[in-house]
Amino acid sequence: MKGLIVAVAALLMAPMGTAAAQQAAPSLNAEAARSLSDFQNFGPHRAFVIGADGRAAWYVGVPGADPGNAVTSTLKRCEERGKLPCTLHVVNNYTVTGADWRAQVPARSADAPDIGRVRPEPYWSMRGPKLAAGLIIWSHGYMAGKNSTDSAPQAWIGRFTRMGYDLYRFDREWIVDWAGDATALADAVRKAREMGYRRVVLAGQSAGAWVSLAALARGAPVDGVISIAAAHHGEVSKMRNDTTRARSEWQNVIAALKPGPRVVLVNFADDAYDVGGRMADARSAFAKSGVDAVIIDNPEGFKGHGAAGDMAFARKFGGCIEGFIDKGTKPPPC
């Protein structure tokens, strides 16, 4: 049984990037092997540690410009159990067993060029356009006066990277030209197609969700768009009764979408940026246009503008989003 578990662990790790000077991987018990499989469903920043007893500890989605905080938190969790030594096994999607991860995990994947204004996710191994199953481009949210370019993508992104998608990001430290950003993102998608990426998916939260939809409206040749709590304006309470214009701009973006790419729209209750009625607008527009979409509207147990950043959301809806965007299926709870 022990040999089988080790073999399973090795198989699970096969898609990940590798690093030199690795130790032999510690033996995983059955629980840890299952945990390793689950770990791969989540995006950066993440780390996986194996204790001397074969049990695992891991963290994902830890803030920071690099995976260092995830490594520190995971090692601490393992060490607190007292089953030493604790061996660092995976950092992001690099296998680094026992090695100094900073020497083994490059800040930029080899041969991963910028694609227009789109850049590769730092500290993340890429396959490249010829070998990757596709490309998913994450666009972060935006808050005036705050630099979000070091923020990690939401955890459910790991559903796509596990399938073999390369992970890039569209970073905007300051937004001064919404239309220009959307055009630049659409241009990057066209370039990615020219490079050979077979599938391209746009995904984002808040301002990142809006720019993803706007790029699709500008004809970006994508296979799907995942829009999480799209926002183009500030908080509703600060709009000074300008919600009519905000609602109208949403309606215009949704009406501009054409059949072909699959679209996922997610909206949460108690979202301070939601002007109201937008999911009803989308259902009406898509019924007329024929756009194939999944609309997740005010899901129970999730509230607020950033609700999809919770791992609970990734666990509940990650399979739904992946299945629909990649395969056209609608598994529960779609």
C-alpha atoms as a PDB file:
ATOM      1  CA  MET A   1       0.000   0.000   0.000  1.00  0.00           C
ATOM      2  CA  LYS A   2       2.830   2.386   0.874  1.00  0.00           C
ATOM      3  CA  GLY A   3       4.448   1.888  -2.535  1.00  0.00           C
ATOM      4  CA  LEU A   4       1.126   2.549  -4.225  1.00  0.00           C
ATOM      5  CA  ILE A   5       0.706   5.821  -2.351  1.00  0.00           C
ATOM      6  CA  VAL A   6       4.178   6.992  -3.368  1.00  0.00           C
ATOM      7  CA  ALA A   7       3.423   6.077  -6.975  1.00  0.00           C
ATOM      8  CA  VAL A   8       0.150   7.975  -6.835  1.00  0.00           C
ATOM      9  CA  ALA A   9       1.950  11.006  -5.424  1.00  0.00           C
ATOM     10  CA  ALA A  10       4.521  10.885  -8.200  1.00  0.00           C
ATOM     11  CA  LEU A  11       1.784  10.682 -10.810  1.00  0.00           C
ATOM     12  CA  LEU A  12      -0.037  13.634  -9.313  1.00  0.00           C
ATOM     13  CA  MET A  13       3.135  15.694  -9.432  1.00  0.00           C
ATOM     14  CA  ALA A  14       3.952  14.853 -13.053  1.00  0.00           C
ATOM     15  CA  PRO A  15       2.333  17.952 -14.663  1.00  0.00           C
ATOM     16  CA  MET A  16       4.279  20.312 -12.406  1.00  0.00           C
ATOM     17  CA  GLY A  17       7.542  22.014 -13.253  1.00  0.00           C
ATOM     18  CA  THR A  18      10.642  20.390 -11.802  1.00  0.00           C
ATOM     19  CA  ALA A  19      13.766  21.778 -10.192  1.00  0.00           C
ATOM     20  CA  ALA A  20      17.313  20.501  -9.932  1.00  0.00           C
ATOM     21  CA  ALA A  21      19.000  18.976  -6.873  1.00  0.00           C
ATOM     22  CA  GLN A  22      15.819  17.482  -5.422  1.00  0.00           C
ATOM     23  CA  GLN A  23      15.768  14.940  -2.637  1.00  0.00           C
ATOM     24  CA  ALA A  24      13.660  11.831  -2.916  1.00  0.00           C
ATOM     25  CA  ALA A  25      10.083  12.734  -2.045  1.00  0.00           C
ATOM     26  CA  PRO A  26       9.020  11.614   1.442  1.00  0.00           C
ATOM     27  CA  SER A  27       6.392   8.912   1.541  1.00  0.00           C
ATOM     28  CA  LEU A  28       2.852  10.246   1.654  1.00  0.00           C
ATOM     29  CA  ASN A  29       0.129   8.481   3.566  1.00  0.00           C
ATOM     30  CA  ALA A  30      -3.255   8.017   1.895  1.00  0.00           C
ATOM     31  CA  GLU A  31      -4.649  11.237   3.368  1.00  0.00           C
ATOM     32  CA  ALA A  32      -1.671  13.248   2.140  1.00  0.00           C
ATOM     33  CA  ALA A  33      -1.932  11.771  -1.370  1.00  0.00           C
ATOM     34  CA  ARG A  34      -5.559  12.919  -1.523  1.00  0.00           C
ATOM     35  CA  SER A  35      -4.510  16.283  -0.130  1.00  0.00           C
ATOM     36  CA  LEU A  36      -1.874  16.662  -2.843  1.00  0.00           C
ATOM     37  CA  SER A  37      -4.511  16.066  -5.498  1.00  0.00           C
ATOM     38  CA  ASP A  38      -6.807  18.637  -3.894  1.00  0.00           C
ATOM     39  CA  PHE A  39      -3.927  21.108  -3.603  1.00  0.00           C
ATOM     40  CA  GLN A  40      -3.551  21.197  -7.383  1.00  0.00           C
ATOM     41  CA  ASN A  41      -7.103  22.543  -7.799  1.00  0.00           C
ATOM     42  CA  PHE A  42      -6.018  25.912  -6.417  1.00  0.00           C
ATOM     43  CA  GLY A  43      -3.897  28.709  -7.829  1.00  0.00           C
ATOM     44  CA  PRO A  44      -0.968  30.789  -6.522  1.00  0.00           C
ATOM     45  CA  HIS A  45       0.517  31.507  -4.140  1.00  0.00           C
ATOM     46  CA  ARG A  46       0.730  28.019  -2.703  1.00  0.00           C
ATOM     47  CA  ALA A  47       3.077  25.606  -0.918  1.00  0.00           C
ATOM     48  CA  PHE A  48       2.883  21.907   0.045  1.00  0.00           C
ATOM     49  CA  VAL A  49       4.933  20.394   2.885  1.00  0.00           C
ATOM     50  CA  ILE A  50       5.244  16.763   3.988  1.00  0.00           C
ATOM     51  CA  GLY A  51       5.937  15.832   7.612  1.00  0.00           C
ATOM     52  CA  ALA A  52       8.049  12.913   8.803  1.00  0.00           C
ATOM     53  CA  ASP A  53       4.847  10.968   9.473  1.00  0.00           C
ATOM     54  CA  GLY A  54       3.795  11.278   5.808  1.00  0.00           C
ATOM     55  CA  ARG A  55       1.059  13.781   6.578  1.00  0.00           C
ATOM     56  CA  ALA A  56       0.777  16.976   4.566  1.00  0.00           C
ATOM     57  CA  ALA A  57       0.298  20.663   5.304  1.00  0.00           C
ATOM     58  CA  TRP A  58      -0.435  23.321   2.721  1.00  0.00           C
ATOM     59  CA  TYR A  59      -1.570  26.865   2.131  1.00  0.00           C
ATOM     60  CA  VAL A  60      -2.873  28.577  -1.006  1.00  0.00           C
ATOM     61  CA  GLY A  61      -3.834  32.125  -1.947  1.00  0.00           C
ATOM     62  CA  VAL A  62      -1.413  33.675   0.536  1.00  0.00           C
ATOM     63  CA  PRO A  63      -0.763  37.389  -0.181  1.00  0.00           C
ATOM     64  CA  GLY A  64       2.646  38.588  -1.268  1.00  0.00           C
ATOM     65  CA  ALA A  65       4.734  39.423  -4.297  1.00  0.00           C
ATOM     66  CA  ASP A  66       6.167  35.892  -4.274  1.00  0.00           C
ATOM     67  CA  PRO A  67       5.301  32.520  -2.645  1.00  0.00           C
ATOM     68  CA  GLY A  68       7.494  33.203   0.399  1.00  0.00           C
ATOM     69  CA  ASN A  69       4.584  33.815   2.768  1.00  0.00           C
ATOM     70  CA  ALA A  70       2.905  30.605   1.627  1.00  0.00           C
ATOM     71  CA  VAL A  71       6.117  28.640   2.263  1.00  0.00           C
ATOM     72  CA  THR A  72       6.588  30.148   5.722  1.00  0.00           C
ATOM     73  CA  SER A  73       2.968  29.569   6.750  1.00  0.00           C
ATOM     74  CA  THR A  74       2.955  25.963   5.527  1.00  0.00           C
ATOM     75  CA  LEU A  75       6.225  25.012   7.217  1.00  0.00           C
ATOM     76  CA  LYS A  76       4.978  26.567  10.462  1.00  0.00           C
ATOM     77  CA  ARG A  77       1.757  24.572  10.278  1.00  0.00           C
ATOM     78  CA  CYS A  78       3.731  21.343   9.787  1.00  0.00           C
ATOM     79  CA  GLU A  79       6.275  22.124  12.518  1.00  0.00           C
ATOM     80  CA  GLU A  80       3.533  22.906  15.042  1.00  0.00           C
ATOM     81  CA  ARG A  81       2.394  19.298  14.713  1.00  0.00           C
ATOM     82  CA  GLY A  82       5.816  18.225  15.979  1.00  0.00           C
ATOM     83  CA  LYS A  83       6.379  15.559  13.306  1.00  0.00           C
ATOM     84  CA  LEU A  84       9.810  16.774  12.186  1.00  0.00           C
ATOM     85  CA  PRO A  85      11.521  17.079   9.824  1.00  0.00           C
ATOM     86  CA  CYS A  86       9.064  18.931   7.585  1.00  0.00           C
ATOM     87  CA  THR A  87      10.044  18.774   3.910  1.00  0.00           C
ATOM     88  CA  LEU A  88       8.998  21.463   1.451  1.00  0.00           C
ATOM     89  CA  HIS A  89       7.725  19.520  -1.558  1.00  0.00           C
ATOM     90  CA  VAL A  90       5.952  21.943  -3.917  1.00  0.00           C
ATOM     91  CA  VAL A  91       6.038  25.722  -4.349  1.00  0.00           C
ATOM     92  CA  ASN A  92       3.383  27.036  -6.716  1.00  0.00           C
ATOM     93  CA  ASN A  93       3.631  24.462  -9.532  1.00  0.00           C
ATOM     94  CA  TYR A  94       7.330  23.604  -9.103  1.00  0.00           C
ATOM     95  CA  THR A  95       8.460  20.388  -7.413  1.00  0.00           C
ATOM     96  CA  VAL A  96      11.361  21.456  -5.156  1.00  0.00           C
ATOM     97  CA  THR A  97      11.606  18.558  -2.716  1.00  0.00           C
ATOM     98  CA  GLY A  98      14.018  19.499   0.055  1.00  0.00           C
ATOM     99  CA  ALA A  99      15.777  22.190  -1.974  1.00  0.00           C
ATOM    100  CA  ASP A 100      16.100  25.926  -1.377  1.00  0.00           C
ATOM    101  CA  TRP A 101      12.985  27.018  -3.186  1.00  0.00           C
ATOM    102  CA  ARG A 102      14.309  30.502  -3.940  1.00  0.00           C
ATOM    103  CA  ALA A 103      17.202  28.952  -5.851  1.00  0.00           C
ATOM    104  CA  GLN A 104      14.921  26.560  -7.716  1.00  0.00           C
ATOM    105  CA  VAL A 105      11.795  28.592  -8.523  1.00  0.00           C
ATOM    106  CA  PRO A 106      12.533  31.381 -11.027  1.00  0.00           C
ATOM    107  CA  ALA A 107      10.684  34.660 -10.802  1.00  0.00           C
ATOM    108  CA  ARG A 108       9.847  34.220 -14.468  1.00  0.00           C
ATOM    109  CA  SER A 109       9.291  30.937 -16.273  1.00  0.00           C
ATOM    110  CA  ALA A 110      11.848  30.210 -18.989  1.00  0.00           C
ATOM    111  CA  ASP A 111      10.749  31.182 -22.491  1.00  0.00           C
ATOM    112  CA  ALA A 112       7.585  32.924 -21.242  1.00  0.00           C
ATOM    113  CA  PRO A 113       7.593  36.282 -23.040  1.00  0.00           C
ATOM    114  CA  ASP A 114       5.227  39.148 -22.474  1.00  0.00           C
ATOM    115  CA  ILE A 115       2.271  38.989 -24.844  1.00  0.00           C
ATOM    116  CA  GLY A 116       1.554  42.617 -25.591  1.00  0.00           C
ATOM    117  CA  ARG A 117       0.627  44.097 -22.205  1.00  0.00           C
ATOM    118  CA  VAL A 118       0.007  40.661 -20.732  1.00  0.00           C
ATOM    119  CA  ARG A 119       2.767  39.040 -18.672  1.00  0.00           C
ATOM    120  CA  PRO A 120       3.342  35.570 -17.197  1.00  0.00           C
ATOM    121  CA  GLU A 121       2.320  34.901 -13.604  1.00  0.00           C
ATOM    122  CA  PRO A 122       5.546  35.254 -11.558  1.00  0.00           C
ATOM    123  CA  TYR A 123       7.063  32.140  -9.949  1.00  0.00           C
ATOM    124  CA  TRP A 124       4.839  29.916 -12.073  1.00  0.00           C
ATOM    125  CA  SER A 125       6.000  27.272 -14.557  1.00  0.00           C
ATOM    126  CA  MET A 126       4.636  27.591 -18.117  1.00  0.00           C
ATOM    127  CA  ARG A 127       4.369  25.034 -20.910  1.00  0.00           C
ATOM    128  CA  GLY A 128       4.334  27.501 -23.800  1.00  0.00           C
ATOM    129  CA  PRO A 129       1.849  27.833 -26.670  1.00  0.00           C
ATOM    130  CA  LYS A 130       2.749  24.549 -28.381  1.00  0.00           C
ATOM    131  CA  LEU A 131       2.419  22.319 -25.303  1.00  0.00           C
ATOM    132  CA  ALA A 132      -0.139  24.100 -23.129  1.00  0.00           C
ATOM    133  CA  ALA A 133      -3.785  23.086 -23.191  1.00  0.00           C
ATOM    134  CA  GLY A 134      -4.591  26.768 -23.371  1.00  0.00           C
ATOM    135  CA  LEU A 135      -3.951  30.180 -21.867  1.00  0.00           C
ATOM    136  CA  ILE A 136      -5.918  31.798 -19.057  1.00  0.00           C
ATOM    137  CA  ILE A 137      -5.370  35.522 -18.480  1.00  0.00           C
ATOM    138  CA  TRP A 138      -6.217  36.895 -15.033  1.00  0.00           C
ATOM    139  CA  SER A 139      -7.133  40.577 -14.597  1.00  0.00           C
ATOM    140  CA  HIS A 140      -7.139  41.772 -10.994  1.00  0.00           C
ATOM    141  CA  GLY A 141      -9.465  44.215  -9.310  1.00  0.00           C
ATOM    142  CA  TYR A 142      -8.464  47.823  -8.819  1.00  0.00           C
ATOM    143  CA  MET A 143      -8.657  50.376  -6.030  1.00  0.00           C
ATOM    144  CA  ALA A 144      -7.546  53.970  -6.473  1.00  0.00           C
ATOM    145  CA  GLY A 145      -4.254  54.610  -4.722  1.00  0.00           C
ATOM    146  CA  LYS A 146      -3.462  50.912  -4.240  1.00  0.00           C
ATOM    147  CA  ASN A 147      -1.132  48.845  -6.418  1.00  0.00           C
ATOM    148  CA  SER A 148      -2.757  45.468  -7.025  1.00  0.00           C
ATOM    149  CA  THR A 149      -0.221  44.172  -9.528  1.00  0.00           C
ATOM    150  CA  ASP A 150       1.289  41.846  -6.909  1.00  0.00           C
ATOM    151  CA  SER A 151      -2.051  40.335  -5.903  1.00  0.00           C
ATOM    152  CA  ALA A 152      -2.547  36.620  -6.501  1.00  0.00           C
ATOM    153  CA  PRO A 153      -5.287  35.348  -8.835  1.00  0.00           C
ATOM    154  CA  GLN A 154      -8.317  33.875  -7.123  1.00  0.00           C
ATOM    155  CA  ALA A 155      -7.859  30.278  -6.003  1.00  0.00           C
ATOM    156  CA  TRP A 156     -10.281  28.638  -8.485  1.00  0.00           C
ATOM    157  CA  ILE A 157      -7.816  29.535 -11.284  1.00  0.00           C
ATOM    158  CA  GLY A 158      -6.022  26.326 -10.281  1.00  0.00           C
ATOM    159  CA  ARG A 159      -8.758  24.298 -11.974  1.00  0.00           C
ATOM    160  CA  PHE A 160      -7.428  25.550 -15.309  1.00  0.00           C
ATOM    161  CA  THR A 161      -3.714  25.384 -14.548  1.00  0.00           C
ATOM    162  CA  ARG A 162      -4.157  21.781 -13.434  1.00  0.00           C
ATOM    163  CA  MET A 163      -5.580  20.983 -16.871  1.00  0.00           C
ATOM    164  CA  GLY A 164      -2.422  22.409 -18.446  1.00  0.00           C
ATOM    165  CA  TYR A 165      -3.368  26.037 -19.102  1.00  0.00           C
ATOM    166  CA  ASP A 166      -0.589  28.610 -18.888  1.00  0.00           C
ATOM    167  CA  LEU A 167      -1.370  31.437 -16.462  1.00  0.00           C
ATOM    168  CA  TYR A 168      -0.769  35.041 -17.502  1.00  0.00           C
ATOM    169  CA  ARG A 169      -2.034  38.298 -16.024  1.00  0.00           C
ATOM    170  CA  PHE A 170      -3.138  41.711 -17.228  1.00  0.00           C
ATOM    171  CA  ASP A 171      -1.783  44.184 -14.685  1.00  0.00           C
ATOM    172  CA  ARG A 172      -2.859  47.826 -14.458  1.00  0.00           C
ATOM    173  CA  GLU A 173      -1.362  49.796 -11.584  1.00  0.00           C
ATOM    174  CA  TRP A 174      -3.435  52.850 -12.472  1.00  0.00           C
ATOM    175  CA  ILE A 175      -6.530  52.880 -14.676  1.00  0.00           C
ATOM    176  CA  VAL A 176      -6.769  56.078 -16.696  1.00  0.00           C
ATOM    177  CA  ASP A 177      -8.029  54.718 -20.016  1.00  0.00           C
ATOM    178  CA  TRP A 178     -10.680  52.011 -19.731  1.00  0.00           C
ATOM    179  CA  ALA A 179     -11.214  51.742 -23.483  1.00  0.00           C
ATOM    180  CA  GLY A 180      -7.477  51.586 -24.130  1.00  0.00           C
ATOM    181  CA  ASP A 181      -7.057  48.815 -21.571  1.00  0.00           C
ATOM    182  CA  ALA A 182      -9.833  46.738 -23.121  1.00  0.00           C
ATOM    183  CA  THR A 183      -8.351  47.203 -26.586  1.00  0.00           C
ATOM    184  CA  ALA A 184      -4.872  46.255 -25.339  1.00  0.00           C
ATOM    185  CA  LEU A 185      -6.249  43.086 -23.753  1.00  0.00           C
ATOM    186  CA  ALA A 186      -8.066  42.141 -26.959  1.00  0.00           C
ATOM    187  CA  ASP A 187      -4.863  42.764 -28.937  1.00  0.00           C
ATOM    188  CA  ALA A 188      -2.913  40.515 -26.547  1.00  0.00           C
ATOM    189  CA  VAL A 189      -5.405  37.711 -27.122  1.00  0.00           C
ATOM    190  CA  ARG A 190      -4.944  38.007 -30.882  1.00  0.00           C
ATOM    191  CA  LYS A 191      -1.189  37.825 -30.443  1.00  0.00           C
ATOM    192  CA  ALA A 192      -1.521  34.765 -28.191  1.00  0.00           C
ATOM    193  CA  ARG A 193      -3.504  33.055 -30.932  1.00  0.00           C
ATOM    194  CA  GLU A 194      -0.795  33.892 -33.437  1.00  0.00           C
ATOM    195  CA  MET A 195       1.772  32.356 -31.075  1.00  0.00           C
ATOM    196  CA  GLY A 196      -0.152  29.089 -31.190  1.00  0.00           C
ATOM    197  CA  TYR A 197      -2.318  28.963 -28.050  1.00  0.00           C
ATOM    198  CA  ARG A 198      -5.209  26.666 -28.947  1.00  0.00           C
ATOM    199  CA  ARG A 199      -7.601  28.018 -26.317  1.00  0.00           C
ATOM    200  CA  VAL A 200      -7.681  31.387 -24.583  1.00  0.00           C
ATOM    201  CA  VAL A 201      -9.829  32.283 -21.563  1.00  0.00           C
ATOM    202  CA  LEU A 202     -10.156  35.704 -19.926  1.00  0.00           C
ATOM    203  CA  ALA A 203     -10.935  35.897 -16.218  1.00  0.00           C
ATOM    204  CA  GLY A 204     -11.094  38.680 -13.692  1.00  0.00           C
ATOM    205  CA  GLN A 205     -12.638  40.204 -10.610  1.00  0.00           C
ATOM    206  CA  SER A 206     -14.178  43.672 -10.228  1.00  0.00           C
ATOM    207  CA  ALA A 207     -12.410  46.030 -12.681  1.00  0.00           C
ATOM    208  CA  GLY A 208     -10.642  42.953 -14.071  1.00  0.00           C
ATOM    209  CA  ALA A 209     -13.979  41.301 -14.774  1.00  0.00           C
ATOM    210  CA  TRP A 210     -15.216  44.420 -16.546  1.00  0.00           C
ATOM    211  CA  VAL A 211     -12.135  44.765 -18.752  1.00  0.00           C
ATOM    212  CA  SER A 212     -12.417  41.075 -19.665  1.00  0.00           C
ATOM    213  CA  LEU A 213     -16.004  41.544 -20.834  1.00  0.00           C
ATOM    214  CA  ALA A 214     -15.074  44.776 -22.621  1.00  0.00           C
ATOM    215  CA  ALA A 215     -12.250  42.988 -24.461  1.00  0.00           C
ATOM    216  CA  LEU A 216     -14.725  40.326 -25.580  1.00  0.00           C
ATOM    217  CA  ALA A 217     -17.077  43.071 -26.765  1.00  0.00           C
ATOM    218  CA  ARG A 218     -14.164  44.404 -28.833  1.00  0.00           C
ATOM    219  CA  GLY A 219     -13.861  41.062 -30.607  1.00  0.00           C
ATOM    220  CA  ALA A 220     -11.126  39.351 -28.597  1.00  0.00           C
ATOM    221  CA  PRO A 221     -10.936  35.807 -30.086  1.00  0.00           C
ATOM    222  CA  VAL A 222     -11.408  33.911 -26.832  1.00  0.00           C
ATOM    223  CA  ASP A 223     -13.113  30.660 -25.923  1.00  0.00           C
ATOM    224  CA  GLY A 224     -14.573  31.989 -22.706  1.00  0.00           C
ATOM    225  CA  VAL A 225     -14.784  34.837 -20.200  1.00  0.00           C
ATOM    226  CA  ILE A 226     -15.196  34.478 -16.427  1.00  0.00           C
ATOM    227  CA  SER A 227     -16.518  37.679 -14.860  1.00  0.00           C
ATOM    228  CA  ILE A 228     -16.520  37.832 -11.057  1.00  0.00           C
ATOM    229  CA  ALA A 229     -18.354  40.807  -9.508  1.00  0.00           C
ATOM    230  CA  ALA A 230     -17.698  43.096 -12.488  1.00  0.00           C
ATOM    231  CA  ALA A 231     -17.341  46.762 -11.557  1.00  0.00           C
ATOM    232  CA  HIS A 232     -16.623  49.805 -13.685  1.00  0.00           C
ATOM    233  CA  HIS A 233     -17.591  52.541 -11.225  1.00  0.00           C
ATOM    234  CA  GLY A 234     -17.003  53.176  -7.543  1.00  0.00           C
ATOM    235  CA  GLU A 235     -19.168  52.140  -4.618  1.00  0.00           C
ATOM    236  CA  VAL A 236     -22.854  52.744  -5.164  1.00  0.00           C
ATOM    237  CA  SER A 237     -23.113  54.886  -2.026  1.00  0.00           C
ATOM    238  CA  LYS A 238     -20.599  57.330  -3.530  1.00  0.00           C
ATOM    239  CA  MET A 239     -22.131  57.602  -6.992  1.00  0.00           C
ATOM    240  CA  ARG A 240     -24.356  60.594  -6.166  1.00  0.00           C
ATOM    241  CA  ASN A 241     -27.391  59.052  -7.870  1.00  0.00           C
ATOM    242  CA  ASP A 242     -25.370  58.236 -10.991  1.00  0.00           C
ATOM    243  CA  THR A 243     -26.399  54.574 -10.944  1.00  0.00           C
ATOM    244  CA  THR A 244     -28.491  55.050 -14.108  1.00  0.00           C
ATOM    245  CA  ARG A 245     -25.375  55.703 -16.172  1.00  0.00           C
ATOM    246  CA  ALA A 246     -23.535  52.809 -14.550  1.00  0.00           C
ATOM    247  CA  ARG A 247     -26.437  50.453 -15.299  1.00  0.00           C
ATOM    248  CA  SER A 248     -26.623  51.713 -18.878  1.00  0.00           C
ATOM    249  CA  GLU A 249     -22.919  51.098 -19.474  1.00  0.00           C
ATOM    250  CA  TRP A 250     -23.320  47.543 -18.161  1.00  0.00           C
ATOM    251  CA  GLN A 251     -26.252  46.966 -20.493  1.00  0.00           C
ATOM    252  CA  ASN A 252     -24.203  48.231 -23.441  1.00  0.00           C
ATOM    253  CA  VAL A 253     -21.287  45.897 -22.705  1.00  0.00           C
ATOM    254  CA  ILE A 254     -23.548  42.871 -22.288  1.00  0.00           C
ATOM    255  CA  ALA A 255     -25.537  43.697 -25.438  1.00  0.00           C
ATOM    256  CA  ALA A 256     -22.275  43.871 -27.449  1.00  0.00           C
ATOM    257  CA  LEU A 257     -21.365  40.236 -26.710  1.00  0.00           C
ATOM    258  CA  LYS A 258     -21.863  37.803 -29.576  1.00  0.00           C
ATOM    259  CA  PRO A 259     -22.503  34.033 -29.538  1.00  0.00           C
ATOM    260  CA  GLY A 260     -19.467  31.790 -29.592  1.00  0.00           C
ATOM    261  CA  PRO A 261     -17.377  32.248 -26.448  1.00  0.00           C
ATOM    262  CA  ARG A 262     -18.900  30.882 -23.246  1.00  0.00           C
ATOM    263  CA  VAL A 263     -19.479  33.404 -20.477  1.00  0.00           C
ATOM    264  CA  VAL A 264     -19.686  32.980 -16.707  1.00  0.00           C
ATOM    265  CA  LEU A 265     -21.097  35.903 -14.712  1.00  0.00           C
ATOM    266  CA  VAL A 266     -20.916  35.884 -10.917  1.00  0.00           C
ATOM    267  CA  ASN A 267     -22.690  38.407  -8.712  1.00  0.00           C
ATOM    268  CA  PHE A 268     -22.940  38.514  -4.915  1.00  0.00           C
ATOM    269  CA  ALA A 269     -25.426  39.886  -2.427  1.00  0.00           C
ATOM    270  CA  ASP A 270     -24.322  42.942  -0.447  1.00  0.00           C
ATOM    271  CA  ASP A 271     -21.824  43.991  -3.105  1.00  0.00           C
ATOM    272  CA  ALA A 272     -21.132  47.665  -2.478  1.00  0.00           C
ATOM    273  CA  TYR A 273     -20.302  48.144  -6.191  1.00  0.00           C
ATOM    274  CA  ASP A 274     -23.461  46.539  -7.589  1.00  0.00           C
ATOM    275  CA  VAL A 275     -26.009  48.988  -9.008  1.00  0.00           C
ATOM    276  CA  GLY A 276     -28.654  46.252  -9.075  1.00  0.00           C
ATOM    277  CA  GLY A 277     -30.553  44.447 -11.790  1.00  0.00           C
ATOM    278  CA  ARG A 278     -27.487  43.529 -13.830  1.00  0.00           C
ATOM    279  CA  MET A 279     -27.982  39.769 -13.838  1.00  0.00           C
ATOM    280  CA  ALA A 280     -31.559  40.259 -15.034  1.00  0.00           C
ATOM    281  CA  ASP A 281     -30.141  42.508 -17.768  1.00  0.00           C
ATOM    282  CA  ALA A 282     -27.713  39.759 -18.745  1.00  0.00           C
ATOM    283  CA  ARG A 283     -30.383  37.062 -18.879  1.00  0.00           C
ATOM    284  CA  SER A 284     -32.540  39.246 -21.088  1.00  0.00           C
ATOM    285  CA  ALA A 285     -29.678  40.183 -23.411  1.00  0.00           C
ATOM    286  CA  PHE A 286     -28.391  36.623 -23.720  1.00  0.00           C
ATOM    287  CA  ALA A 287     -31.882  35.302 -24.443  1.00  0.00           C
ATOM    288  CA  LYS A 288     -31.957  37.628 -27.444  1.00  0.00           C
ATOM    289  CA  SER A 289     -28.362  37.204 -28.623  1.00  0.00           C
ATOM    290  CA  GLY A 290     -27.932  33.496 -27.993  1.00  0.00           C
ATOM    291  CA  VAL A 291     -24.776  33.898 -25.891  1.00  0.00           C
ATOM    292  CA  ASP A 292     -24.113  30.646 -23.998  1.00  0.00           C
ATOM    293  CA  ALA A 293     -23.738  31.633 -20.361  1.00  0.00           C
ATOM    294  CA  VAL A 294     -23.846  30.492 -16.760  1.00  0.00           C
ATOM    295  CA  ILE A 295     -25.052  33.156 -14.327  1.00  0.00           C
ATOM    296  CA  ILE A 296     -24.275  32.591 -10.653  1.00  0.00           C
ATOM    297  CA  ASP A 297     -26.422  35.183  -8.948  1.00  0.00           C
ATOM    298  CA  ASN A 298     -26.267  35.809  -5.188  1.00  0.00           C
ATOM    299  CA  PRO A 299     -25.172  32.273  -4.221  1.00  0.00           C
ATOM    300  CA  GLU A 300     -26.127  31.322  -0.690  1.00  0.00           C
ATOM    301  CA  GLY A 301     -23.336  31.719   1.843  1.00  0.00           C
ATOM    302  CA  PHE A 302     -21.295  34.239  -0.153  1.00  0.00           C
ATOM    303  CA  LYS A 303     -21.641  37.975   0.336  1.00  0.00           C
ATOM    304  CA  GLY A 304     -19.693  41.053  -0.651  1.00  0.00           C
ATOM    305  CA  HIS A 305     -17.586  42.251  -3.539  1.00  0.00           C
ATOM    306  CA  GLY A 306     -14.658  39.951  -2.773  1.00  0.00           C
ATOM    307  CA  ALA A 307     -16.594  36.803  -1.902  1.00  0.00           C
ATOM    308  CA  ALA A 308     -15.015  34.727  -4.688  1.00  0.00           C
ATOM    309  CA  GLY A 309     -11.597  35.182  -3.134  1.00  0.00           C
ATOM    310  CA  ASP A 310     -12.598  32.721  -0.431  1.00  0.00           C
ATOM    311  CA  MET A 311     -11.375  29.135  -0.835  1.00  0.00           C
ATOM    312  CA  ALA A 312     -14.913  28.067  -0.042  1.00  0.00           C
ATOM    313  CA  PHE A 313     -16.014  29.625  -3.334  1.00  0.00           C
ATOM    314  CA  ALA A 314     -13.262  27.804  -5.227  1.00  0.00           C
ATOM    315  CA  ARG A 315     -14.339  24.503  -3.693  1.00  0.00           C
ATOM    316  CA  LYS A 316     -18.017  24.994  -4.416  1.00  0.00           C
ATOM    317  CA  PHE A 317     -17.934  26.640  -7.847  1.00  0.00           C
ATOM    318  CA  GLY A 318     -14.511  25.822  -9.299  1.00  0.00           C
ATOM    319  CA  GLY A 319     -15.741  22.624 -10.951  1.00  0.00           C
ATOM    320  CA  CYS A 320     -18.789  24.397 -12.341  1.00  0.00           C
ATOM    321  CA  ILE A 321     -16.716  27.186 -13.892  1.00  0.00           C
ATOM    322  CA  GLU A 322     -14.128  24.798 -15.315  1.00  0.00           C
ATOM    323  CA  GLY A 323     -16.688  22.370 -16.715  1.00  0.00           C
ATOM    324  CA  PHE A 324     -18.700  25.037 -18.471  1.00  0.00           C
ATOM    325  CA  ILE A 325     -15.852  27.133 -19.871  1.00  0.00           C
ATOM    326  CA  ASP A 326     -13.656  24.237 -20.969  1.00  0.00           C
ATOM    327  CA  LYS A 327     -16.204  21.600 -21.957  1.00  0.00           C
ATOM    328  CA  GLY A 328     -19.599  23.285 -22.238  1.00  0.00           C
ATOM    329  CA  THR A 329     -21.072  21.151 -19.463  1.00  0.00           C
ATOM    330  CA  LYS A 330     -22.983  22.529 -16.511  1.00  0.00           C
ATOM    331  CA  PRO A 331     -22.118  20.405 -13.475  1.00  0.00           C
ATOM    332  CA  PRO A 332     -23.741  21.261 -10.142  1.00  0.00           C
ATOM    333  CA  PRO A 333     -24.075  23.855  -8.781  1.00  0.00           C
ATOM    334  CA  CYS A 334     -24.162  25.603 -12.181  1.00  0.00           C
END
